[in-house]
Amino acid sequence: MYKAFFHLSRSPFELTPDPTCFVPTAHHNEALASLYYGVRRHKGFVVVTGEVGTGKTLLLRCLLRLLEESKDVAYAYLFNSRLTPNEFLQYTLQDFGIPAAGKNKAEMLFELSRFLVSRGTAGLTTVLVVDEAHLLSADLLEEIRLLSNLETFNDKLLQIVLVGQPELDVMLDSMDLRQLKQRIALRAHLTALTEQETFHYIEQRMQVAAAGPKNSSPFTDQAVSFIYRYSGGLPRWINSICENCLLTAFARQTTTVTPEIVATVAKELRVETSRFGESASFLSTHLDTRQATDTVLDFDPTVERPAASRGQRHR
């Protein structure tokens, strides 16, 4: 809808995790390097955690894209961790291309073992990637740990990548899972972006989507500062806010995304006021007093606006 208006070849802030839109930060680069190194060096267990919206699934897609470029890597990707141990084994075998229908647990384990030994003997790499790993049951985590017993004297036959929310760290630090924790070779944690990283993130996303030569960004510096404060630096929130800002700017037929547009979008998205911090002082610094007051009061439903202010808005 707005692509031609802003001279874009694609939507720059889609929520679908697309590796071509990956904007690396120091933490994201470190996490991706840990994942790739752990897999390629056959380290066994690698764990990445991060809060909701920090880009964990996109990071996984980038890893899988790298692995797909290697002819010696086969992987199974488990994106739904709400499975029983038997369902987990069935899914894993089928994703590796091993028939699992009608087999009991012992038969499935035997088939998996034979598959891994065969690939290991040929010097090939086999990976099990588990997304949303914080939702795994204790029984399933133990089942996964036992799979790591498949090894030779000097090599792990199955590389296991666990990616999840911070609750996964809590689970792995529990006494019940101390055996699994001791087997983890590498751990990384994704955090929210800083304000400077948010500027870079938005700029890079716009350039990736540009239809021609480098375009000037429609987002003013003040607007990006607003986006950072509303989003808390979480990439998913940044994407959602920016996408809606471009739509709003297009609807108004303006090529500039202003702080006022950002505030309007944040209100429509029901962004938590806690994400904005010192909202009133920040807004009043960049907007005129009446506009700042109205925006904050409209944004926070717990505050009742004065009658005079309500009347002014409807004139």
Protein backbone atom coordinates (compact mmCIF):
# COMPACT_ATOMS: atom_id res chain seq x y z
CA MET A 1 0.00 0.00 0.00
CA TYR A 2 2.68 2.51 1.03
CA LYS A 3 5.66 0.98 -0.83
CA ALA A 4 5.46 3.12 -3.96
CA PHE A 5 4.83 6.24 -1.86
CA PHE A 6 8.09 5.74 0.05
CA HIS A 7 9.98 4.27 -2.96
CA LEU A 8 10.31 0.81 -1.44
CA SER A 9 10.53 -2.58 -3.12
CA ARG A 10 9.16 -4.45 -0.11
CA SER A 11 7.76 -3.86 3.36
CA PRO A 12 10.76 -3.11 5.61
CA PHE A 13 9.20 -4.05 8.94
CA GLU A 14 7.40 -7.34 8.36
CA LEU A 15 7.02 -9.43 11.52
CA THR A 16 7.87 -12.62 9.60
CA PRO A 17 11.48 -13.54 10.50
CA ASP A 18 13.31 -13.06 7.19
CA PRO A 19 17.12 -13.58 7.24
CA THR A 20 17.57 -11.04 4.43
CA CYS A 21 16.38 -8.37 6.88
CA PHE A 22 18.72 -9.43 9.68
CA VAL A 23 20.39 -6.39 11.26
CA PRO A 24 23.24 -7.65 13.45
CA THR A 25 24.01 -6.05 16.80
CA ALA A 26 26.91 -7.01 19.02
CA HIS A 27 24.71 -9.42 21.01
CA HIS A 28 23.07 -10.91 17.93
CA ASN A 29 26.42 -11.38 16.20
CA GLU A 30 27.82 -13.06 19.30
CA ALA A 31 24.83 -15.37 19.61
CA LEU A 32 24.88 -16.34 15.92
CA ALA A 33 28.62 -16.98 16.09
CA SER A 34 28.14 -19.18 19.18
CA LEU A 35 25.40 -21.19 17.46
CA TYR A 36 27.36 -21.71 14.27
CA TYR A 37 30.64 -22.46 16.04
CA GLY A 38 28.98 -24.91 18.42
CA VAL A 39 27.35 -26.80 15.56
CA ARG A 40 30.32 -26.86 13.21
CA ARG A 41 32.78 -27.82 15.96
CA HIS A 42 30.47 -30.55 17.29
CA LYS A 43 30.27 -29.10 20.78
CA GLY A 44 27.03 -30.89 21.65
CA PHE A 45 24.64 -28.54 23.47
CA VAL A 46 24.31 -24.84 22.60
CA VAL A 47 21.72 -22.61 24.31
CA VAL A 48 20.44 -19.15 23.36
CA THR A 49 17.89 -17.28 25.47
CA GLY A 50 16.24 -13.89 25.17
CA GLU A 51 13.12 -12.00 26.14
CA VAL A 52 10.03 -12.08 23.92
CA GLY A 53 10.61 -10.07 20.74
CA THR A 54 14.42 -9.90 20.88
CA GLY A 55 14.85 -11.77 17.58
CA LYS A 56 15.50 -15.37 18.63
CA THR A 57 13.54 -17.00 15.81
CA LEU A 58 15.11 -14.70 13.21
CA LEU A 59 18.51 -15.68 14.60
CA LEU A 60 17.57 -19.34 14.17
CA ARG A 61 16.47 -18.72 10.57
CA CYS A 62 19.86 -17.12 9.90
CA LEU A 63 21.59 -20.18 11.40
CA LEU A 64 19.49 -22.59 9.34
CA ARG A 65 20.25 -20.59 6.21
CA LEU A 66 23.97 -20.91 6.92
CA LEU A 67 23.59 -24.63 7.56
CA GLU A 68 21.64 -25.10 4.32
CA GLU A 69 24.59 -23.67 2.42
CA SER A 70 26.75 -26.49 3.81
CA LYS A 71 26.38 -29.78 1.97
CA ASP A 72 27.50 -31.84 4.98
CA VAL A 73 24.77 -30.72 7.43
CA ALA A 74 21.34 -32.26 8.07
CA TYR A 75 19.01 -30.75 10.63
CA ALA A 76 15.65 -31.34 12.26
CA TYR A 77 13.80 -28.19 13.32
CA LEU A 78 11.30 -28.53 16.17
CA PHE A 79 9.14 -25.40 16.40
CA ASN A 80 6.38 -26.87 18.60
CA SER A 81 7.77 -28.10 21.89
CA ARG A 82 4.40 -29.19 23.32
CA LEU A 83 5.00 -32.87 22.53
CA THR A 84 5.26 -36.09 24.47
CA PRO A 85 8.62 -37.92 24.37
CA ASN A 86 7.22 -40.41 21.83
CA GLU A 87 5.79 -37.65 19.62
CA PHE A 88 9.11 -35.84 19.87
CA LEU A 89 11.01 -38.89 18.62
CA GLN A 90 8.52 -39.47 15.81
CA TYR A 91 8.76 -35.85 14.68
CA THR A 92 12.57 -35.80 14.86
CA LEU A 93 12.95 -38.99 12.83
CA GLN A 94 10.49 -37.85 10.19
CA ASP A 95 12.20 -34.47 9.88
CA PHE A 96 15.49 -36.30 9.30
CA GLY A 97 13.74 -38.33 6.61
CA ILE A 98 13.65 -41.54 8.66
CA PRO A 99 10.36 -43.51 8.54
CA ALA A 100 8.81 -43.59 12.04
CA ALA A 101 5.23 -44.74 11.48
CA GLY A 102 4.29 -47.82 13.49
CA LYS A 103 7.60 -47.99 15.38
CA ASN A 104 7.83 -48.17 19.15
CA LYS A 105 10.27 -46.07 21.18
CA ALA A 106 13.06 -48.66 21.17
CA GLU A 107 12.82 -49.06 17.40
CA MET A 108 12.85 -45.29 16.85
CA LEU A 109 15.92 -44.88 19.06
CA PHE A 110 17.67 -47.69 17.19
CA GLU A 111 16.89 -46.08 13.82
CA LEU A 112 18.07 -42.69 15.04
CA SER A 113 21.26 -44.17 16.47
CA ARG A 114 22.04 -45.96 13.22
CA PHE A 115 21.39 -42.78 11.25
CA LEU A 116 23.69 -40.70 13.46
CA VAL A 117 26.48 -43.26 13.50
CA SER A 118 26.33 -43.55 9.73
CA ARG A 119 26.58 -39.80 9.27
CA GLY A 120 29.25 -39.44 11.94
CA THR A 121 31.39 -42.13 10.29
CA ALA A 122 31.17 -40.20 7.02
CA GLY A 123 32.28 -37.00 8.75
CA LEU A 124 28.87 -35.35 8.39
CA THR A 125 27.12 -33.03 10.85
CA THR A 126 23.64 -33.68 12.25
CA VAL A 127 21.73 -31.03 14.19
CA LEU A 128 18.56 -30.93 16.28
CA VAL A 129 17.21 -27.38 16.64
CA VAL A 130 14.51 -26.75 19.26
CA ASP A 131 12.72 -23.39 19.23
CA GLU A 132 10.49 -22.31 22.16
CA ALA A 133 12.56 -24.65 24.33
CA HIS A 134 11.32 -22.97 27.53
CA LEU A 135 8.03 -24.81 26.94
CA LEU A 136 9.66 -28.24 27.01
CA SER A 137 8.57 -30.49 29.83
CA ALA A 138 11.18 -31.82 32.26
CA ASP A 139 10.61 -35.32 30.81
CA LEU A 140 11.25 -34.11 27.28
CA LEU A 141 14.36 -32.19 28.31
CA GLU A 142 15.67 -35.37 29.90
CA GLU A 143 14.86 -37.26 26.69
CA ILE A 144 16.89 -34.71 24.74
CA ARG A 145 19.77 -34.98 27.21
CA LEU A 146 19.86 -38.74 26.74
CA LEU A 147 20.17 -38.25 22.98
CA SER A 148 23.43 -36.43 23.63
CA ASN A 149 24.83 -39.77 24.88
CA LEU A 150 25.10 -40.78 21.24
CA GLU A 151 28.78 -40.06 20.70
CA THR A 152 32.10 -41.57 19.70
CA PHE A 153 35.26 -41.44 21.80
CA ASN A 154 36.10 -37.98 20.45
CA ASP A 155 32.97 -36.54 18.88
CA LYS A 156 29.31 -35.73 19.51
CA LEU A 157 27.10 -37.39 16.90
CA LEU A 158 24.13 -35.06 17.48
CA GLN A 159 24.44 -31.31 17.90
CA ILE A 160 21.56 -29.87 19.92
CA VAL A 161 20.49 -26.21 19.81
CA LEU A 162 18.01 -24.99 22.42
CA VAL A 163 16.47 -21.53 21.97
CA GLY A 164 13.93 -20.03 24.33
CA GLN A 165 12.83 -17.31 26.69
CA PRO A 166 14.67 -16.56 29.99
CA GLU A 167 12.54 -19.22 31.70
CA LEU A 168 14.77 -21.75 29.93
CA ASP A 169 17.76 -20.47 31.90
CA VAL A 170 15.81 -20.94 35.11
CA MET A 171 14.91 -24.51 34.13
CA LEU A 172 18.50 -25.37 33.20
CA ASP A 173 19.77 -23.95 36.49
CA SER A 174 17.51 -26.22 38.52
CA MET A 175 18.96 -29.15 40.47
CA ASP A 176 16.82 -31.64 38.54
CA LEU A 177 18.52 -30.67 35.28
CA ARG A 178 22.08 -30.26 36.54
CA GLN A 179 23.27 -33.14 34.35
CA LEU A 180 21.99 -31.35 31.27
CA LYS A 181 23.44 -28.01 32.39
CA GLN A 182 26.91 -29.55 32.72
CA ARG A 183 26.76 -30.66 29.08
CA ILE A 184 26.06 -27.19 27.68
CA ALA A 185 29.16 -26.06 25.81
CA LEU A 186 28.03 -22.53 24.85
CA ARG A 187 25.37 -20.15 26.15
CA ALA A 188 24.35 -16.77 24.77
CA HIS A 189 21.67 -14.25 25.73
CA LEU A 190 19.89 -11.72 23.52
CA THR A 191 18.96 -8.34 24.97
CA ALA A 192 16.90 -5.39 23.75
CA LEU A 193 18.55 -2.85 21.46
CA THR A 194 20.07 0.35 22.76
CA GLU A 195 18.82 3.67 21.43
CA GLN A 196 21.80 3.92 19.06
CA GLU A 197 21.18 0.36 17.84
CA THR A 198 17.51 1.23 17.29
CA PHE A 199 18.53 4.11 15.00
CA HIS A 200 20.83 1.77 13.07
CA TYR A 201 18.18 -0.99 12.96
CA ILE A 202 15.50 1.25 11.45
CA GLU A 203 17.95 2.80 8.97
CA GLN A 204 19.21 -0.59 7.80
CA ARG A 205 15.71 -2.04 7.45
CA MET A 206 14.69 0.92 5.30
CA GLN A 207 17.78 0.53 3.10
CA VAL A 208 17.20 -3.20 2.60
CA ALA A 209 13.68 -2.38 1.39
CA ALA A 210 14.68 0.58 -0.79
CA ALA A 211 13.62 0.26 -4.45
CA GLY A 212 16.53 2.25 -5.83
CA PRO A 213 19.57 4.24 -4.68
CA LYS A 214 19.88 5.12 -1.03
CA ASN A 215 16.80 6.98 0.17
CA SER A 216 16.60 9.40 3.05
CA SER A 217 14.71 7.81 5.94
CA PRO A 218 11.19 9.13 6.56
CA PHE A 219 11.77 8.70 10.32
CA THR A 220 13.07 11.85 11.99
CA ASP A 221 15.64 11.51 14.78
CA GLN A 222 13.02 12.58 17.31
CA ALA A 223 10.57 9.99 15.96
CA VAL A 224 13.15 7.24 16.32
CA SER A 225 13.80 8.32 19.92
CA PHE A 226 10.06 8.01 20.53
CA ILE A 227 10.03 4.56 18.89
CA TYR A 228 12.90 3.45 21.11
CA ARG A 229 11.13 4.56 24.27
CA TYR A 230 7.80 3.04 23.30
CA SER A 231 9.32 -0.25 22.13
CA GLY A 232 11.83 -0.68 24.91
CA GLY A 233 14.33 -1.56 22.17
CA LEU A 234 12.60 -4.85 21.36
CA PRO A 235 12.87 -5.55 17.60
CA ARG A 236 9.37 -7.01 17.33
CA TRP A 237 7.82 -3.88 18.87
CA ILE A 238 10.04 -1.67 16.71
CA ASN A 239 8.81 -3.48 13.60
CA SER A 240 5.17 -3.20 14.62
CA ILE A 241 5.40 0.49 15.48
CA CYS A 242 7.40 1.40 12.37
CA GLU A 243 5.06 -0.52 10.05
CA ASN A 244 2.05 1.32 11.44
CA CYS A 245 3.88 4.65 11.33
CA LEU A 246 4.51 4.23 7.60
CA LEU A 247 0.85 3.34 7.05
CA THR A 248 -0.28 6.38 9.03
CA ALA A 249 2.11 8.70 7.19
CA PHE A 250 0.90 7.32 3.87
CA ALA A 251 -2.73 7.85 4.90
CA ARG A 252 -1.88 11.47 5.73
CA GLN A 253 0.12 11.80 2.50
CA THR A 254 3.24 12.96 4.31
CA THR A 255 6.71 11.55 3.66
CA THR A 256 7.89 12.33 7.19
CA VAL A 257 7.22 10.21 10.27
CA THR A 258 7.01 12.63 13.18
CA PRO A 259 6.98 12.05 16.95
CA GLU A 260 3.25 12.84 16.92
CA ILE A 261 2.62 10.02 14.44
CA VAL A 262 4.64 7.64 16.62
CA ALA A 263 2.63 8.64 19.70
CA THR A 264 -0.64 8.12 17.82
CA VAL A 265 0.44 4.68 16.61
CA ALA A 266 1.64 3.67 20.07
CA LYS A 267 -1.76 4.57 21.49
CA GLU A 268 -3.54 2.50 18.81
CA LEU A 269 -1.25 -0.48 19.49
CA ARG A 270 -1.93 -0.23 23.24
CA VAL A 271 1.78 -0.06 24.02
CA GLU A 272 2.37 -0.19 27.76
CA THR A 273 3.10 3.18 29.36
CA SER A 274 5.91 1.54 31.35
CA ARG A 275 7.84 1.19 28.10
CA PHE A 276 7.89 4.96 27.71
CA GLY A 277 9.53 5.84 31.02
CA GLU A 278 9.52 9.60 31.68
CA SER A 279 6.88 10.12 28.98
CA ALA A 280 5.61 13.57 29.93
CA SER A 281 9.02 15.23 30.16
CA PHE A 282 10.26 13.56 26.97
CA LEU A 283 7.16 14.51 24.99
CA SER A 284 7.10 18.09 26.19
CA THR A 285 10.71 18.50 25.10
CA HIS A 286 9.84 17.71 21.49
CA LEU A 287 6.16 18.71 21.09
CA ASP A 288 4.34 21.91 21.96
CA THR A 289 2.85 21.93 25.47
CA ARG A 290 -0.81 21.41 24.55
CA GLN A 291 0.01 18.62 22.04
CA ALA A 292 2.30 16.91 24.56
CA THR A 293 -0.31 17.05 27.31
CA ASP A 294 -3.08 15.72 25.09
CA THR A 295 -0.89 12.91 23.73
CA VAL A 296 0.17 11.68 27.17
CA LEU A 297 -3.35 11.88 28.60
CA ASP A 298 -4.82 10.09 25.60
CA PHE A 299 -2.10 7.49 25.83
CA ASP A 300 -2.69 6.70 29.50
CA PRO A 301 -6.33 5.66 30.07
CA THR A 302 -5.87 5.93 33.85
CA VAL A 303 -5.54 9.73 33.62
CA GLU A 304 -8.65 11.86 33.22
CA ARG A 305 -8.13 14.84 30.91
CA PRO A 306 -9.43 18.27 32.00
CA ALA A 307 -12.72 19.31 30.47
CA ALA A 308 -11.14 22.29 28.67
CA SER A 309 -8.60 20.04 27.01
CA ARG A 310 -11.31 17.60 25.90
CA GLY A 311 -13.22 20.49 24.32
CA GLN A 312 -10.19 21.85 22.50
CA ARG A 313 -9.52 18.54 20.78
CA HIS A 314 -13.00 18.49 19.21
CA ARG A 315 -13.00 21.98 17.85
